[in-house]
Amino acid sequence: MKKCRVFLFLCGPMLVSVLAGPLAVVARQGQNDSLGVYLLLSQNPEATRQPLQMMGVYPVGPSVARFGVLVTGDDGAVEQAMNAGYWLVPAQILAALCGFGQVEEDPYV
């Protein structure tokens, strides 16, 4: 019994921290991002550019990361891309996970 308590004491916080991010993403899955910016997760983001542009989803900014790129599009195009199997995570969720809270649209951009 003592070994079980020690194990839970040592591994419990780690387990909670590992599950917190994915649970936050799942909890907000049905909500649309108010800014319309999403992180596209892909092994080869460059290869997904043309099919997504045909759906109405376009990259944001000039740089592409190794496993993802920021994209934007209207709600219908984003929903169509998600239904086609692309993984799009709202930027609001990423900002909340990083501690930025509610991100508001800058009127000067």
PDB file of N, CA and C in Angstrom:
ATOM      1  N   MET A   1       0.827  -1.198   0.000  1.00  0.00           N
ATOM      2  CA  MET A   1       0.000   0.000   0.000  1.00  0.00           C
ATOM      3  C   MET A   1       0.866   1.254   0.000  1.00  0.00           C
ATOM      4  N   LYS A   2       1.969   1.191   0.736  1.00  0.00           N
ATOM      5  CA  LYS A   2       2.849   2.348   0.808  1.00  0.00           C
ATOM      6  C   LYS A   2       3.487   2.624  -0.559  1.00  0.00           C
ATOM      7  N   LYS A   3       3.822   1.563  -1.292  1.00  0.00           N
ATOM      8  CA  LYS A   3       4.407   1.734  -2.618  1.00  0.00           C
ATOM      9  C   LYS A   3       3.409   2.400  -3.568  1.00  0.00           C
ATOM     10  N   CYS A   4       2.159   2.062  -3.421  1.00  0.00           N
ATOM     11  CA  CYS A   4       1.121   2.650  -4.270  1.00  0.00           C
ATOM     12  C   CYS A   4       0.993   4.143  -4.002  1.00  0.00           C
ATOM     13  N   ARG A   5       1.026   4.545  -2.720  1.00  0.00           N
ATOM     14  CA  ARG A   5       0.937   5.968  -2.375  1.00  0.00           C
ATOM     15  C   ARG A   5       2.150   6.734  -2.877  1.00  0.00           C
ATOM     16  N   VAL A   6       3.324   6.136  -2.750  1.00  0.00           N
ATOM     17  CA  VAL A   6       4.545   6.782  -3.230  1.00  0.00           C
ATOM     18  C   VAL A   6       4.479   6.947  -4.748  1.00  0.00           C
ATOM     19  N   PHE A   7       4.031   5.913  -5.429  1.00  0.00           N
ATOM     20  CA  PHE A   7       3.899   5.976  -6.886  1.00  0.00           C
ATOM     21  C   PHE A   7       2.935   7.089  -7.292  1.00  0.00           C
ATOM     22  N   LEU A   8       1.761   7.166  -6.648  1.00  0.00           N
ATOM     23  CA  LEU A   8       0.791   8.210  -6.965  1.00  0.00           C
ATOM     24  C   LEU A   8       1.324   9.600  -6.629  1.00  0.00           C
ATOM     25  N   PHE A   9       2.077   9.700  -5.541  1.00  0.00           N
ATOM     26  CA  PHE A   9       2.651  10.986  -5.146  1.00  0.00           C
ATOM     27  C   PHE A   9       3.669  11.466  -6.173  1.00  0.00           C
ATOM     28  N   LEU A  10       4.473  10.540  -6.699  1.00  0.00           N
ATOM     29  CA  LEU A  10       5.508  10.918  -7.649  1.00  0.00           C
ATOM     30  C   LEU A  10       4.977  11.064  -9.074  1.00  0.00           C
ATOM     31  N   CYS A  11       4.081  10.196  -9.478  1.00  0.00           N
ATOM     32  CA  CYS A  11       3.613  10.192 -10.862  1.00  0.00           C
ATOM     33  C   CYS A  11       2.294  10.930 -11.065  1.00  0.00           C
ATOM     34  N   GLY A  12       1.564  11.185 -10.007  1.00  0.00           N
ATOM     35  CA  GLY A  12       0.274  11.858 -10.122  1.00  0.00           C
ATOM     36  C   GLY A  12       0.360  13.235 -10.765  1.00  0.00           C
ATOM     37  N   PRO A  13       1.218  14.126 -10.259  1.00  0.00           N
ATOM     38  CA  PRO A  13       1.322  15.457 -10.894  1.00  0.00           C
ATOM     39  C   PRO A  13       1.769  15.388 -12.355  1.00  0.00           C
ATOM     40  N   MET A  14       2.665  14.465 -12.659  1.00  0.00           N
ATOM     41  CA  MET A  14       3.115  14.326 -14.030  1.00  0.00           C
ATOM     42  C   MET A  14       1.957  13.873 -14.920  1.00  0.00           C
ATOM     43  N   LEU A  15       1.165  12.937 -14.449  1.00  0.00           N
ATOM     44  CA  LEU A  15       0.023  12.449 -15.213  1.00  0.00           C
ATOM     45  C   LEU A  15      -0.997  13.564 -15.449  1.00  0.00           C
ATOM     46  N   VAL A  16      -1.248  14.369 -14.425  1.00  0.00           N
ATOM     47  CA  VAL A  16      -2.188  15.479 -14.561  1.00  0.00           C
ATOM     48  C   VAL A  16      -1.682  16.485 -15.593  1.00  0.00           C
ATOM     49  N   SER A  17      -0.388  16.811 -15.532  1.00  0.00           N
ATOM     50  CA  SER A  17       0.152  17.789 -16.484  1.00  0.00           C
ATOM     51  C   SER A  17       0.161  17.252 -17.908  1.00  0.00           C
ATOM     52  N   VAL A  18       0.384  15.953 -18.084  1.00  0.00           N
ATOM     53  CA  VAL A  18       0.379  15.364 -19.421  1.00  0.00           C
ATOM     54  C   VAL A  18      -1.030  15.366 -20.008  1.00  0.00           C
ATOM     55  N   LEU A  19      -2.039  15.161 -19.183  1.00  0.00           N
ATOM     56  CA  LEU A  19      -3.417  15.087 -19.665  1.00  0.00           C
ATOM     57  C   LEU A  19      -4.105  16.444 -19.768  1.00  0.00           C
ATOM     58  N   ALA A  20      -3.562  17.481 -19.132  1.00  0.00           N
ATOM     59  CA  ALA A  20      -4.232  18.782 -19.104  1.00  0.00           C
ATOM     60  C   ALA A  20      -4.357  19.401 -20.490  1.00  0.00           C
ATOM     61  N   GLY A  21      -3.305  19.364 -21.290  1.00  0.00           N
ATOM     62  CA  GLY A  21      -3.346  19.961 -22.625  1.00  0.00           C
ATOM     63  C   GLY A  21      -4.357  19.298 -23.540  1.00  0.00           C
ATOM     64  N   PRO A  22      -4.254  17.983 -23.738  1.00  0.00           N
ATOM     65  CA  PRO A  22      -5.240  17.329 -24.603  1.00  0.00           C
ATOM     66  C   PRO A  22      -6.677  17.459 -24.113  1.00  0.00           C
ATOM     67  N   LEU A  23      -6.886  17.441 -22.798  1.00  0.00           N
ATOM     68  CA  LEU A  23      -8.243  17.596 -22.282  1.00  0.00           C
ATOM     69  C   LEU A  23      -8.782  18.991 -22.564  1.00  0.00           C
ATOM     70  N   ALA A  24      -7.930  20.006 -22.495  1.00  0.00           N
ATOM     71  CA  ALA A  24      -8.364  21.365 -22.810  1.00  0.00           C
ATOM     72  C   ALA A  24      -8.745  21.484 -24.279  1.00  0.00           C
ATOM     73  N   VAL A  25      -7.993  20.831 -25.144  1.00  0.00           N
ATOM     74  CA  VAL A  25      -8.299  20.860 -26.578  1.00  0.00           C
ATOM     75  C   VAL A  25      -9.620  20.157 -26.851  1.00  0.00           C
ATOM     76  N   VAL A  26      -9.828  19.012 -26.234  1.00  0.00           N
ATOM     77  CA  VAL A  26     -11.069  18.257 -26.438  1.00  0.00           C
ATOM     78  C   VAL A  26     -12.265  19.032 -25.881  1.00  0.00           C
ATOM     79  N   ALA A  27     -12.080  19.724 -24.763  1.00  0.00           N
ATOM     80  CA  ALA A  27     -13.184  20.466 -24.160  1.00  0.00           C
ATOM     81  C   ALA A  27     -13.663  21.594 -25.055  1.00  0.00           C
ATOM     82  N   ARG A  28     -12.773  22.187 -25.841  1.00  0.00           N
ATOM     83  CA  ARG A  28     -13.139  23.298 -26.719  1.00  0.00           C
ATOM     84  C   ARG A  28     -13.305  22.876 -28.166  1.00  0.00           C
ATOM     85  N   GLN A  29     -13.358  21.587 -28.442  1.00  0.00           N
ATOM     86  CA  GLN A  29     -13.386  21.085 -29.820  1.00  0.00           C
ATOM     87  C   GLN A  29     -14.536  21.645 -30.634  1.00  0.00           C
ATOM     88  N   GLY A  30     -15.716  21.773 -30.070  1.00  0.00           N
ATOM     89  CA  GLY A  30     -16.873  22.217 -30.839  1.00  0.00           C
ATOM     90  C   GLY A  30     -16.979  23.716 -30.995  1.00  0.00           C
ATOM     91  N   GLN A  31     -16.101  24.480 -30.338  1.00  0.00           N
ATOM     92  CA  GLN A  31     -16.200  25.931 -30.385  1.00  0.00           C
ATOM     93  C   GLN A  31     -15.309  26.493 -31.480  1.00  0.00           C
ATOM     94  N   ASN A  32     -15.815  27.444 -32.210  1.00  0.00           N
ATOM     95  CA  ASN A  32     -15.029  28.091 -33.264  1.00  0.00           C
ATOM     96  C   ASN A  32     -14.108  29.138 -32.668  1.00  0.00           C
ATOM     97  N   ASP A  33     -13.003  29.362 -33.326  1.00  0.00           N
ATOM     98  CA  ASP A  33     -12.046  30.369 -32.907  1.00  0.00           C
ATOM     99  C   ASP A  33     -12.533  31.732 -33.373  1.00  0.00           C
ATOM    100  N   SER A  34     -12.647  32.680 -32.443  1.00  0.00           N
ATOM    101  CA  SER A  34     -13.189  33.989 -32.810  1.00  0.00           C
ATOM    102  C   SER A  34     -12.257  34.761 -33.737  1.00  0.00           C
ATOM    103  N   LEU A  35     -10.959  34.497 -33.692  1.00  0.00           N
ATOM    104  CA  LEU A  35     -10.022  35.203 -34.562  1.00  0.00           C
ATOM    105  C   LEU A  35      -9.903  34.552 -35.933  1.00  0.00           C
ATOM    106  N   GLY A  36     -10.304  33.306 -36.053  1.00  0.00           N
ATOM    107  CA  GLY A  36     -10.214  32.616 -37.328  1.00  0.00           C
ATOM    108  C   GLY A  36      -8.821  32.129 -37.671  1.00  0.00           C
ATOM    109  N   VAL A  37      -7.915  32.043 -36.680  1.00  0.00           N
ATOM    110  CA  VAL A  37      -6.552  31.571 -36.906  1.00  0.00           C
ATOM    111  C   VAL A  37      -6.420  30.195 -36.259  1.00  0.00           C
ATOM    112  N   TYR A  38      -5.858  29.251 -37.009  1.00  0.00           N
ATOM    113  CA  TYR A  38      -5.720  27.880 -36.546  1.00  0.00           C
ATOM    114  C   TYR A  38      -4.297  27.395 -36.792  1.00  0.00           C
ATOM    115  N   LEU A  39      -3.867  26.418 -36.008  1.00  0.00           N
ATOM    116  CA  LEU A  39      -2.601  25.747 -36.243  1.00  0.00           C
ATOM    117  C   LEU A  39      -2.908  24.450 -36.975  1.00  0.00           C
ATOM    118  N   LEU A  40      -2.383  24.311 -38.179  1.00  0.00           N
ATOM    119  CA  LEU A  40      -2.539  23.089 -38.960  1.00  0.00           C
ATOM    120  C   LEU A  40      -1.396  22.155 -38.596  1.00  0.00           C
ATOM    121  N   LEU A  41      -1.724  21.001 -38.051  1.00  0.00           N
ATOM    122  CA  LEU A  41      -0.716  20.009 -37.689  1.00  0.00           C
ATOM    123  C   LEU A  41      -0.600  19.006 -38.830  1.00  0.00           C
ATOM    124  N   SER A  42       0.601  18.863 -39.351  1.00  0.00           N
ATOM    125  CA  SER A  42       0.834  17.980 -40.483  1.00  0.00           C
ATOM    126  C   SER A  42       2.304  17.601 -40.520  1.00  0.00           C
ATOM    127  N   GLN A  43       2.598  16.397 -41.051  1.00  0.00           N
ATOM    128  CA  GLN A  43       3.995  15.989 -41.190  1.00  0.00           C
ATOM    129  C   GLN A  43       4.687  16.775 -42.292  1.00  0.00           C
ATOM    130  N   ASN A  44       3.934  17.215 -43.273  1.00  0.00           N
ATOM    131  CA  ASN A  44       4.487  17.987 -44.381  1.00  0.00           C
ATOM    132  C   ASN A  44       3.531  19.122 -44.721  1.00  0.00           C
ATOM    133  N   PRO A  45       3.627  20.246 -43.997  1.00  0.00           N
ATOM    134  CA  PRO A  45       2.681  21.337 -44.232  1.00  0.00           C
ATOM    135  C   PRO A  45       2.731  21.908 -45.646  1.00  0.00           C
ATOM    136  N   GLU A  46       3.888  21.877 -46.289  1.00  0.00           N
ATOM    137  CA  GLU A  46       3.983  22.402 -47.657  1.00  0.00           C
ATOM    138  C   GLU A  46       3.118  21.603 -48.635  1.00  0.00           C
ATOM    139  N   ALA A  47       3.026  20.289 -48.424  1.00  0.00           N
ATOM    140  CA  ALA A  47       2.241  19.434 -49.315  1.00  0.00           C
ATOM    141  C   ALA A  47       0.739  19.668 -49.150  1.00  0.00           C
ATOM    142  N   THR A  48       0.314  20.203 -48.017  1.00  0.00           N
ATOM    143  CA  THR A  48      -1.112  20.431 -47.778  1.00  0.00           C
ATOM    144  C   THR A  48      -1.573  21.800 -48.260  1.00  0.00           C
ATOM    145  N   ARG A  49      -0.664  22.638 -48.693  1.00  0.00           N
ATOM    146  CA  ARG A  49      -1.013  24.017 -49.047  1.00  0.00           C
ATOM    147  C   ARG A  49      -2.035  24.085 -50.181  1.00  0.00           C
ATOM    148  N   GLN A  50      -1.786  23.396 -51.278  1.00  0.00           N
ATOM    149  CA  GLN A  50      -2.679  23.491 -52.434  1.00  0.00           C
ATOM    150  C   GLN A  50      -4.071  22.909 -52.152  1.00  0.00           C
ATOM    151  N   PRO A  51      -4.195  21.697 -51.559  1.00  0.00           N
ATOM    152  CA  PRO A  51      -5.559  21.201 -51.284  1.00  0.00           C
ATOM    153  C   PRO A  51      -6.337  22.096 -50.329  1.00  0.00           C
ATOM    154  N   LEU A  52      -5.652  22.672 -49.334  1.00  0.00           N
ATOM    155  CA  LEU A  52      -6.349  23.546 -48.397  1.00  0.00           C
ATOM    156  C   LEU A  52      -6.769  24.857 -49.055  1.00  0.00           C
ATOM    157  N   GLN A  53      -5.940  25.382 -49.940  1.00  0.00           N
ATOM    158  CA  GLN A  53      -6.314  26.623 -50.628  1.00  0.00           C
ATOM    159  C   GLN A  53      -7.529  26.400 -51.520  1.00  0.00           C
ATOM    160  N   MET A  54      -7.682  25.209 -52.062  1.00  0.00           N
ATOM    161  CA  MET A  54      -8.868  24.901 -52.857  1.00  0.00           C
ATOM    162  C   MET A  54     -10.125  24.889 -51.994  1.00  0.00           C
ATOM    163  N   MET A  55      -9.965  24.590 -50.680  1.00  0.00           N
ATOM    164  CA  MET A  55     -11.096  24.602 -49.749  1.00  0.00           C
ATOM    165  C   MET A  55     -11.370  25.994 -49.194  1.00  0.00           C
ATOM    166  N   GLY A  56     -10.418  26.919 -49.344  1.00  0.00           N
ATOM    167  CA  GLY A  56     -10.590  28.268 -48.811  1.00  0.00           C
ATOM    168  C   GLY A  56      -9.834  28.514 -47.526  1.00  0.00           C
ATOM    169  N   VAL A  57      -8.854  27.668 -47.206  1.00  0.00           N
ATOM    170  CA  VAL A  57      -8.019  27.832 -46.018  1.00  0.00           C
ATOM    171  C   VAL A  57      -6.626  28.235 -46.490  1.00  0.00           C
ATOM    172  N   TYR A  58      -6.132  29.393 -45.996  1.00  0.00           N
ATOM    173  CA  TYR A  58      -4.877  29.950 -46.488  1.00  0.00           C
ATOM    174  C   TYR A  58      -3.860  30.097 -45.354  1.00  0.00           C
ATOM    175  N   PRO A  59      -2.562  29.934 -45.655  1.00  0.00           N
ATOM    176  CA  PRO A  59      -1.533  30.104 -44.627  1.00  0.00           C
ATOM    177  C   PRO A  59      -1.424  31.560 -44.183  1.00  0.00           C
ATOM    178  N   VAL A  60      -1.029  31.741 -42.932  1.00  0.00           N
ATOM    179  CA  VAL A  60      -0.819  33.067 -42.355  1.00  0.00           C
ATOM    180  C   VAL A  60       0.679  33.239 -42.149  1.00  0.00           C
ATOM    181  N   GLY A  61       1.238  34.259 -42.730  1.00  0.00           N
ATOM    182  CA  GLY A  61       2.660  34.526 -42.550  1.00  0.00           C
ATOM    183  C   GLY A  61       3.536  33.758 -43.516  1.00  0.00           C
ATOM    184  N   PRO A  62       4.795  34.162 -43.584  1.00  0.00           N
ATOM    185  CA  PRO A  62       5.700  33.568 -44.568  1.00  0.00           C
ATOM    186  C   PRO A  62       6.377  32.272 -44.120  1.00  0.00           C
ATOM    187  N   SER A  63       6.381  31.989 -42.835  1.00  0.00           N
ATOM    188  CA  SER A  63       7.167  30.843 -42.371  1.00  0.00           C
ATOM    189  C   SER A  63       6.292  29.620 -42.115  1.00  0.00           C
ATOM    190  N   VAL A  64       6.919  28.464 -42.338  1.00  0.00           N
ATOM    191  CA  VAL A  64       6.274  27.175 -42.102  1.00  0.00           C
ATOM    192  C   VAL A  64       7.145  26.395 -41.141  1.00  0.00           C
ATOM    193  N   ALA A  65       6.566  25.910 -40.061  1.00  0.00           N
ATOM    194  CA  ALA A  65       7.315  25.116 -39.104  1.00  0.00           C
ATOM    195  C   ALA A  65       7.415  23.675 -39.601  1.00  0.00           C
ATOM    196  N   ARG A  66       8.180  22.877 -38.908  1.00  0.00           N
ATOM    197  CA  ARG A  66       8.419  21.506 -39.351  1.00  0.00           C
ATOM    198  C   ARG A  66       7.148  20.654 -39.359  1.00  0.00           C
ATOM    199  N   PHE A  67       6.314  20.820 -38.336  1.00  0.00           N
ATOM    200  CA  PHE A  67       5.108  19.999 -38.238  1.00  0.00           C
ATOM    201  C   PHE A  67       3.826  20.819 -38.212  1.00  0.00           C
ATOM    202  N   GLY A  68       3.871  22.043 -38.688  1.00  0.00           N
ATOM    203  CA  GLY A  68       2.642  22.814 -38.678  1.00  0.00           C
ATOM    204  C   GLY A  68       2.818  24.194 -39.285  1.00  0.00           C
ATOM    205  N   VAL A  69       1.683  24.820 -39.510  1.00  0.00           N
ATOM    206  CA  VAL A  69       1.655  26.169 -40.066  1.00  0.00           C
ATOM    207  C   VAL A  69       0.372  26.839 -39.580  1.00  0.00           C
ATOM    208  N   LEU A  70       0.433  28.152 -39.361  1.00  0.00           N
ATOM    209  CA  LEU A  70      -0.767  28.892 -39.004  1.00  0.00           C
ATOM    210  C   LEU A  70      -1.577  29.151 -40.261  1.00  0.00           C
ATOM    211  N   VAL A  71      -2.882  28.907 -40.178  1.00  0.00           N
ATOM    212  CA  VAL A  71      -3.768  29.097 -41.322  1.00  0.00           C
ATOM    213  C   VAL A  71      -5.007  29.876 -40.882  1.00  0.00           C
ATOM    214  N   THR A  72      -5.711  30.406 -41.860  1.00  0.00           N
ATOM    215  CA  THR A  72      -6.960  31.107 -41.592  1.00  0.00           C
ATOM    216  C   THR A  72      -7.958  30.785 -42.698  1.00  0.00           C
ATOM    217  N   GLY A  73      -9.208  30.940 -42.375  1.00  0.00           N
ATOM    218  CA  GLY A  73     -10.271  30.692 -43.343  1.00  0.00           C
ATOM    219  C   GLY A  73     -11.616  30.916 -42.676  1.00  0.00           C
ATOM    220  N   ASP A  74     -12.665  31.043 -43.483  1.00  0.00           N
ATOM    221  CA  ASP A  74     -13.983  31.216 -42.877  1.00  0.00           C
ATOM    222  C   ASP A  74     -14.432  29.911 -42.227  1.00  0.00           C
ATOM    223  N   ASP A  75     -15.484  29.982 -41.430  1.00  0.00           N
ATOM    224  CA  ASP A  75     -15.923  28.815 -40.648  1.00  0.00           C
ATOM    225  C   ASP A  75     -16.272  27.625 -41.531  1.00  0.00           C
ATOM    226  N   GLY A  76     -16.906  27.866 -42.664  1.00  0.00           N
ATOM    227  CA  GLY A  76     -17.282  26.766 -43.558  1.00  0.00           C
ATOM    228  C   GLY A  76     -16.071  26.058 -44.133  1.00  0.00           C
ATOM    229  N   ALA A  77     -15.045  26.830 -44.513  1.00  0.00           N
ATOM    230  CA  ALA A  77     -13.830  26.230 -45.078  1.00  0.00           C
ATOM    231  C   ALA A  77     -13.064  25.449 -44.028  1.00  0.00           C
ATOM    232  N   VAL A  78     -12.998  25.984 -42.814  1.00  0.00           N
ATOM    233  CA  VAL A  78     -12.295  25.289 -41.734  1.00  0.00           C
ATOM    234  C   VAL A  78     -13.013  23.992 -41.385  1.00  0.00           C
ATOM    235  N   GLU A  79     -14.332  24.039 -41.316  1.00  0.00           N
ATOM    236  CA  GLU A  79     -15.107  22.835 -41.027  1.00  0.00           C
ATOM    237  C   GLU A  79     -14.926  21.796 -42.132  1.00  0.00           C
ATOM    238  N   GLN A  80     -14.888  22.242 -43.382  1.00  0.00           N
ATOM    239  CA  GLN A  80     -14.668  21.330 -44.501  1.00  0.00           C
ATOM    240  C   GLN A  80     -13.282  20.688 -44.409  1.00  0.00           C
ATOM    241  N   ALA A  81     -12.275  21.457 -44.031  1.00  0.00           N
ATOM    242  CA  ALA A  81     -10.924  20.919 -43.889  1.00  0.00           C
ATOM    243  C   ALA A  81     -10.863  19.903 -42.749  1.00  0.00           C
ATOM    244  N   MET A  82     -11.548  20.193 -41.638  1.00  0.00           N
ATOM    245  CA  MET A  82     -11.572  19.244 -40.509  1.00  0.00           C
ATOM    246  C   MET A  82     -12.278  17.957 -40.913  1.00  0.00           C
ATOM    247  N   ASN A  83     -13.361  18.072 -41.655  1.00  0.00           N
ATOM    248  CA  ASN A  83     -14.083  16.885 -42.112  1.00  0.00           C
ATOM    249  C   ASN A  83     -13.259  16.072 -43.102  1.00  0.00           C
ATOM    250  N   ALA A  84     -12.339  16.741 -43.815  1.00  0.00           N
ATOM    251  CA  ALA A  84     -11.462  16.048 -44.760  1.00  0.00           C
ATOM    252  C   ALA A  84     -10.302  15.345 -44.049  1.00  0.00           C
ATOM    253  N   GLY A  85     -10.172  15.538 -42.734  1.00  0.00           N
ATOM    254  CA  GLY A  85      -9.157  14.827 -41.969  1.00  0.00           C
ATOM    255  C   GLY A  85      -7.959  15.656 -41.545  1.00  0.00           C
ATOM    256  N   TYR A  86      -7.957  16.956 -41.850  1.00  0.00           N
ATOM    257  CA  TYR A  86      -6.851  17.811 -41.418  1.00  0.00           C
ATOM    258  C   TYR A  86      -7.023  18.161 -39.940  1.00  0.00           C
ATOM    259  N   TRP A  87      -5.923  18.238 -39.220  1.00  0.00           N
ATOM    260  CA  TRP A  87      -5.956  18.592 -37.797  1.00  0.00           C
ATOM    261  C   TRP A  87      -5.734  20.084 -37.671  1.00  0.00           C
ATOM    262  N   LEU A  88      -6.780  20.807 -37.277  1.00  0.00           N
ATOM    263  CA  LEU A  88      -6.710  22.255 -37.086  1.00  0.00           C
ATOM    264  C   LEU A  88      -7.034  22.562 -35.632  1.00  0.00           C
ATOM    265  N   VAL A  89      -6.085  23.187 -34.937  1.00  0.00           N
ATOM    266  CA  VAL A  89      -6.259  23.548 -33.532  1.00  0.00           C
ATOM    267  C   VAL A  89      -6.415  25.064 -33.465  1.00  0.00           C
ATOM    268  N   PRO A  90      -7.508  25.570 -32.863  1.00  0.00           N
ATOM    269  CA  PRO A  90      -7.691  27.016 -32.767  1.00  0.00           C
ATOM    270  C   PRO A  90      -6.538  27.679 -32.015  1.00  0.00           C
ATOM    271  N   ALA A  91      -6.089  28.821 -32.516  1.00  0.00           N
ATOM    272  CA  ALA A  91      -4.985  29.542 -31.884  1.00  0.00           C
ATOM    273  C   ALA A  91      -5.361  30.018 -30.480  1.00  0.00           C
ATOM    274  N   GLN A  92      -6.647  30.247 -30.234  1.00  0.00           N
ATOM    275  CA  GLN A  92      -7.105  30.656 -28.902  1.00  0.00           C
ATOM    276  C   GLN A  92      -6.743  29.610 -27.858  1.00  0.00           C
ATOM    277  N   ILE A  93      -6.865  28.333 -28.211  1.00  0.00           N
ATOM    278  CA  ILE A  93      -6.536  27.254 -27.272  1.00  0.00           C
ATOM    279  C   ILE A  93      -5.047  27.260 -26.971  1.00  0.00           C
ATOM    280  N   LEU A  94      -4.237  27.426 -28.005  1.00  0.00           N
ATOM    281  CA  LEU A  94      -2.793  27.464 -27.797  1.00  0.00           C
ATOM    282  C   LEU A  94      -2.397  28.650 -26.928  1.00  0.00           C
ATOM    283  N   ALA A  95      -3.022  29.781 -27.141  1.00  0.00           N
ATOM    284  CA  ALA A  95      -2.733  30.957 -26.322  1.00  0.00           C
ATOM    285  C   ALA A  95      -3.128  30.709 -24.864  1.00  0.00           C
ATOM    286  N   ALA A  96      -4.273  30.065 -24.647  1.00  0.00           N
ATOM    287  CA  ALA A  96      -4.712  29.771 -23.285  1.00  0.00           C
ATOM    288  C   ALA A  96      -3.778  28.777 -22.608  1.00  0.00           C
ATOM    289  N   LEU A  97      -3.315  27.774 -23.348  1.00  0.00           N
ATOM    290  CA  LEU A  97      -2.388  26.802 -22.774  1.00  0.00           C
ATOM    291  C   LEU A  97      -1.055  27.440 -22.409  1.00  0.00           C
ATOM    292  N   CYS A  98      -0.671  28.480 -23.137  1.00  0.00           N
ATOM    293  CA  CYS A  98       0.594  29.171 -22.867  1.00  0.00           C
ATOM    294  C   CYS A  98       0.428  30.280 -21.834  1.00  0.00           C
ATOM    295  N   GLY A  99      -0.788  30.488 -21.326  1.00  0.00           N
ATOM    296  CA  GLY A  99      -1.009  31.458 -20.267  1.00  0.00           C
ATOM    297  C   GLY A  99      -1.355  32.860 -20.731  1.00  0.00           C
ATOM    298  N   PHE A 100      -1.727  33.043 -21.991  1.00  0.00           N
ATOM    299  CA  PHE A 100      -2.063  34.367 -22.481  1.00  0.00           C
ATOM    300  C   PHE A 100      -3.516  34.728 -22.252  1.00  0.00           C
ATOM    301  N   GLY A 101      -4.335  33.763 -21.846  1.00  0.00           N
ATOM    302  CA  GLY A 101      -5.753  34.027 -21.596  1.00  0.00           C
ATOM    303  C   GLY A 101      -6.493  34.358 -22.868  1.00  0.00           C
ATOM    304  N   GLN A 102      -7.406  35.301 -22.797  1.00  0.00           N
ATOM    305  CA  GLN A 102      -8.225  35.690 -23.940  1.00  0.00           C
ATOM    306  C   GLN A 102      -7.409  36.595 -24.863  1.00  0.00           C
ATOM    307  N   VAL A 103      -7.292  36.212 -26.102  1.00  0.00           N
ATOM    308  CA  VAL A 103      -6.568  37.010 -27.092  1.00  0.00           C
ATOM    309  C   VAL A 103      -7.597  37.789 -27.892  1.00  0.00           C
ATOM    310  N   GLU A 104      -7.391  39.093 -27.991  1.00  0.00           N
ATOM    311  CA  GLU A 104      -8.321  39.938 -28.720  1.00  0.00           C
ATOM    312  C   GLU A 104      -7.717  40.364 -30.044  1.00  0.00           C
ATOM    313  N   GLU A 105      -8.575  40.631 -31.003  1.00  0.00           N
ATOM    314  CA  GLU A 105      -8.127  41.061 -32.319  1.00  0.00           C
ATOM    315  C   GLU A 105      -7.598  42.485 -32.229  1.00  0.00           C
ATOM    316  N   ASP A 106      -6.442  42.723 -32.830  1.00  0.00           N
ATOM    317  CA  ASP A 106      -5.831  44.043 -32.827  1.00  0.00           C
ATOM    318  C   ASP A 106      -6.456  44.871 -33.949  1.00  0.00           C
ATOM    319  N   PRO A 107      -7.080  46.023 -33.641  1.00  0.00           N
ATOM    320  CA  PRO A 107      -7.738  46.807 -34.685  1.00  0.00           C
ATOM    321  C   PRO A 107      -6.753  47.459 -35.655  1.00  0.00           C
ATOM    322  N   TYR A 108      -5.474  47.504 -35.308  1.00  0.00           N
ATOM    323  CA  TYR A 108      -4.485  48.172 -36.157  1.00  0.00           C
ATOM    324  C   TYR A 108      -3.786  47.219 -37.113  1.00  0.00           C
ATOM    325  N   VAL A 109      -4.126  45.921 -37.046  1.00  0.00           N
ATOM    326  CA  VAL A 109      -3.469  44.940 -37.911  1.00  0.00           C
ATOM    327  C   VAL A 109      -4.351  44.651 -39.093  1.00  0.00           C
TER     328      VAL A 109
END
